[in-house]
Amino acid sequence: MSDAGDVFEFELFKNSLHSLADEMALTVLRTSYSSVLKGSMDYSTAICDAQGRMVAQGLTLPQHLGSIPTALASVLGHCLAPVTGPLWGGNWRQAVAGGSIEG
């Protein structure tokens, strides 16, 4: 196959992955009850490979994306602790108090 064909196929595959990540973001937006999620899209979506490397990200706030590889590495390492804490790649603090989650 020619180089032009390889580039064309690569772009199709890349855009497909980005579209899937965008669809994930839209699904979260449509099914959310949170005004924070609906109003500002304050969440992130991404597609990662089997080794935990991010290969595509959705069109949402990118500030969370730095925590996705660390959180996914924790999950892939069979760490069953919550991945929202700062030790597991999360970027906000949550404390369990009285049976409810505050944060």
C-alpha atoms as a PDB file:
ATOM      1  CA  MET A   1       0.000   0.000   0.000  1.00  0.00           C
ATOM      2  CA  SER A   2       1.186   3.524  -0.691  1.00  0.00           C
ATOM      3  CA  ASP A   3       2.156   6.023   1.979  1.00  0.00           C
ATOM      4  CA  ALA A   4      -0.873   8.147   1.065  1.00  0.00           C
ATOM      5  CA  GLY A   5      -3.148   5.164   1.750  1.00  0.00           C
ATOM      6  CA  ASP A   6      -1.508   4.552   5.115  1.00  0.00           C
ATOM      7  CA  VAL A   7      -1.941   8.201   6.094  1.00  0.00           C
ATOM      8  CA  PHE A   8      -5.578   8.118   4.991  1.00  0.00           C
ATOM      9  CA  GLU A   9      -6.312   4.968   7.023  1.00  0.00           C
ATOM     10  CA  PHE A  10      -4.496   6.383  10.033  1.00  0.00           C
ATOM     11  CA  GLU A  11      -6.592   9.569   9.941  1.00  0.00           C
ATOM     12  CA  LEU A  12      -9.810   7.568   9.640  1.00  0.00           C
ATOM     13  CA  PHE A  13      -8.861   5.407  12.629  1.00  0.00           C
ATOM     14  CA  LYS A  14      -7.704   8.402  14.700  1.00  0.00           C
ATOM     15  CA  ASN A  15     -10.875  10.371  14.005  1.00  0.00           C
ATOM     16  CA  SER A  16     -12.993   7.324  14.847  1.00  0.00           C
ATOM     17  CA  LEU A  17     -11.343   7.052  18.266  1.00  0.00           C
ATOM     18  CA  HIS A  18     -11.815  10.765  18.948  1.00  0.00           C
ATOM     19  CA  SER A  19     -15.468  10.495  17.891  1.00  0.00           C
ATOM     20  CA  LEU A  20     -15.990   7.624  20.331  1.00  0.00           C
ATOM     21  CA  ALA A  21     -14.517   9.676  23.172  1.00  0.00           C
ATOM     22  CA  ASP A  22     -16.782  12.596  22.215  1.00  0.00           C
ATOM     23  CA  GLU A  23     -19.797  10.259  22.176  1.00  0.00           C
ATOM     24  CA  MET A  24     -18.875   9.093  25.687  1.00  0.00           C
ATOM     25  CA  ALA A  25     -18.803  12.738  26.806  1.00  0.00           C
ATOM     26  CA  LEU A  26     -22.193  13.433  25.231  1.00  0.00           C
ATOM     27  CA  THR A  27     -23.664  10.324  26.883  1.00  0.00           C
ATOM     28  CA  VAL A  28     -22.463  11.511  30.297  1.00  0.00           C
ATOM     29  CA  LEU A  29     -23.920  14.956  29.566  1.00  0.00           C
ATOM     30  CA  ARG A  30     -27.306  13.584  28.448  1.00  0.00           C
ATOM     31  CA  THR A  31     -27.683  11.129  31.343  1.00  0.00           C
ATOM     32  CA  SER A  32     -26.337  13.295  34.157  1.00  0.00           C
ATOM     33  CA  TYR A  33     -28.469  14.797  36.909  1.00  0.00           C
ATOM     34  CA  SER A  34     -25.643  17.066  38.082  1.00  0.00           C
ATOM     35  CA  SER A  35     -25.909  20.757  37.255  1.00  0.00           C
ATOM     36  CA  VAL A  36     -22.095  20.979  37.404  1.00  0.00           C
ATOM     37  CA  LEU A  37     -21.750  18.377  34.661  1.00  0.00           C
ATOM     38  CA  LYS A  38     -24.565  19.749  32.537  1.00  0.00           C
ATOM     39  CA  GLY A  39     -23.682  23.423  32.948  1.00  0.00           C
ATOM     40  CA  SER A  40     -19.935  23.419  32.490  1.00  0.00           C
ATOM     41  CA  MET A  41     -19.022  19.941  31.211  1.00  0.00           C
ATOM     42  CA  ASP A  42     -16.702  19.661  34.218  1.00  0.00           C
ATOM     43  CA  TYR A  43     -15.617  16.072  33.532  1.00  0.00           C
ATOM     44  CA  SER A  44     -13.370  14.221  31.125  1.00  0.00           C
ATOM     45  CA  THR A  45     -13.609  11.184  28.878  1.00  0.00           C
ATOM     46  CA  ALA A  46     -10.789   9.264  27.252  1.00  0.00           C
ATOM     47  CA  ILE A  47      -9.995   6.021  25.475  1.00  0.00           C
ATOM     48  CA  CYS A  48      -6.883   4.170  26.624  1.00  0.00           C
ATOM     49  CA  ASP A  49      -5.045   1.162  25.252  1.00  0.00           C
ATOM     50  CA  ALA A  50      -4.412  -2.090  27.146  1.00  0.00           C
ATOM     51  CA  GLN A  51      -1.272  -0.644  28.773  1.00  0.00           C
ATOM     52  CA  GLY A  52      -3.197   2.377  30.083  1.00  0.00           C
ATOM     53  CA  ARG A  53      -1.869   4.935  27.617  1.00  0.00           C
ATOM     54  CA  MET A  54      -4.414   7.528  26.545  1.00  0.00           C
ATOM     55  CA  VAL A  55      -5.052   7.419  22.801  1.00  0.00           C
ATOM     56  CA  ALA A  56      -8.088   9.730  22.461  1.00  0.00           C
ATOM     57  CA  GLN A  57      -9.877  12.280  24.610  1.00  0.00           C
ATOM     58  CA  GLY A  58     -13.344  13.790  24.474  1.00  0.00           C
ATOM     59  CA  LEU A  59     -14.076  17.479  24.009  1.00  0.00           C
ATOM     60  CA  THR A  60     -14.642  18.371  27.649  1.00  0.00           C
ATOM     61  CA  LEU A  61     -12.575  20.225  30.248  1.00  0.00           C
ATOM     62  CA  PRO A  62      -9.003  18.970  29.799  1.00  0.00           C
ATOM     63  CA  GLN A  63      -7.902  19.676  33.382  1.00  0.00           C
ATOM     64  CA  HIS A  64      -8.847  16.147  34.462  1.00  0.00           C
ATOM     65  CA  LEU A  65      -6.935  14.393  31.722  1.00  0.00           C
ATOM     66  CA  GLY A  66      -3.629  14.513  33.551  1.00  0.00           C
ATOM     67  CA  SER A  67      -5.087  12.220  36.200  1.00  0.00           C
ATOM     68  CA  ILE A  68      -6.495   9.584  33.833  1.00  0.00           C
ATOM     69  CA  PRO A  69      -3.220   7.691  33.147  1.00  0.00           C
ATOM     70  CA  THR A  70      -2.324   7.572  36.863  1.00  0.00           C
ATOM     71  CA  ALA A  71      -5.815   6.480  37.906  1.00  0.00           C
ATOM     72  CA  LEU A  72      -5.947   3.840  35.177  1.00  0.00           C
ATOM     73  CA  ALA A  73      -2.495   2.534  36.136  1.00  0.00           C
ATOM     74  CA  SER A  74      -3.809   2.117  39.683  1.00  0.00           C
ATOM     75  CA  VAL A  75      -6.799   0.148  38.426  1.00  0.00           C
ATOM     76  CA  LEU A  76      -4.660  -1.958  36.090  1.00  0.00           C
ATOM     77  CA  GLY A  77      -2.335  -2.677  39.019  1.00  0.00           C
ATOM     78  CA  HIS A  78      -5.319  -4.234  40.816  1.00  0.00           C
ATOM     79  CA  CYS A  79      -5.499  -1.514  43.404  1.00  0.00           C
ATOM     80  CA  LEU A  80      -9.141  -1.645  44.405  1.00  0.00           C
ATOM     81  CA  ALA A  81      -9.030   1.581  46.425  1.00  0.00           C
ATOM     82  CA  PRO A  82     -11.050   4.562  45.198  1.00  0.00           C
ATOM     83  CA  VAL A  83      -9.305   6.314  42.332  1.00  0.00           C
ATOM     84  CA  THR A  84     -10.587   9.793  43.208  1.00  0.00           C
ATOM     85  CA  GLY A  85      -8.040  10.452  45.951  1.00  0.00           C
ATOM     86  CA  PRO A  86      -4.778  12.301  45.331  1.00  0.00           C
ATOM     87  CA  LEU A  87      -2.735   9.139  45.922  1.00  0.00           C
ATOM     88  CA  TRP A  88      -4.478   7.420  43.007  1.00  0.00           C
ATOM     89  CA  GLY A  89      -4.401  10.212  40.449  1.00  0.00           C
ATOM     90  CA  GLY A  90      -7.587  12.045  41.370  1.00  0.00           C
ATOM     91  CA  ASN A  91      -7.577  15.820  41.441  1.00  0.00           C
ATOM     92  CA  TRP A  92     -10.081  16.477  44.203  1.00  0.00           C
ATOM     93  CA  ARG A  93     -10.413  15.285  47.784  1.00  0.00           C
ATOM     94  CA  GLN A  94     -13.312  13.161  48.942  1.00  0.00           C
ATOM     95  CA  ALA A  95     -13.850  12.110  52.519  1.00  0.00           C
ATOM     96  CA  VAL A  96     -16.314   9.511  53.727  1.00  0.00           C
ATOM     97  CA  ALA A  97     -18.232  10.829  56.731  1.00  0.00           C
ATOM     98  CA  GLY A  98     -21.365   9.346  58.228  1.00  0.00           C
ATOM     99  CA  GLY A  99     -21.916   6.958  55.337  1.00  0.00           C
ATOM    100  CA  SER A 100     -21.974   9.684  52.693  1.00  0.00           C
ATOM    101  CA  ILE A 101     -19.303  11.048  50.393  1.00  0.00           C
ATOM    102  CA  GLU A 102     -18.373  14.687  50.756  1.00  0.00           C
ATOM    103  CA  GLY A 103     -15.978  16.522  48.521  1.00  0.00           C
END
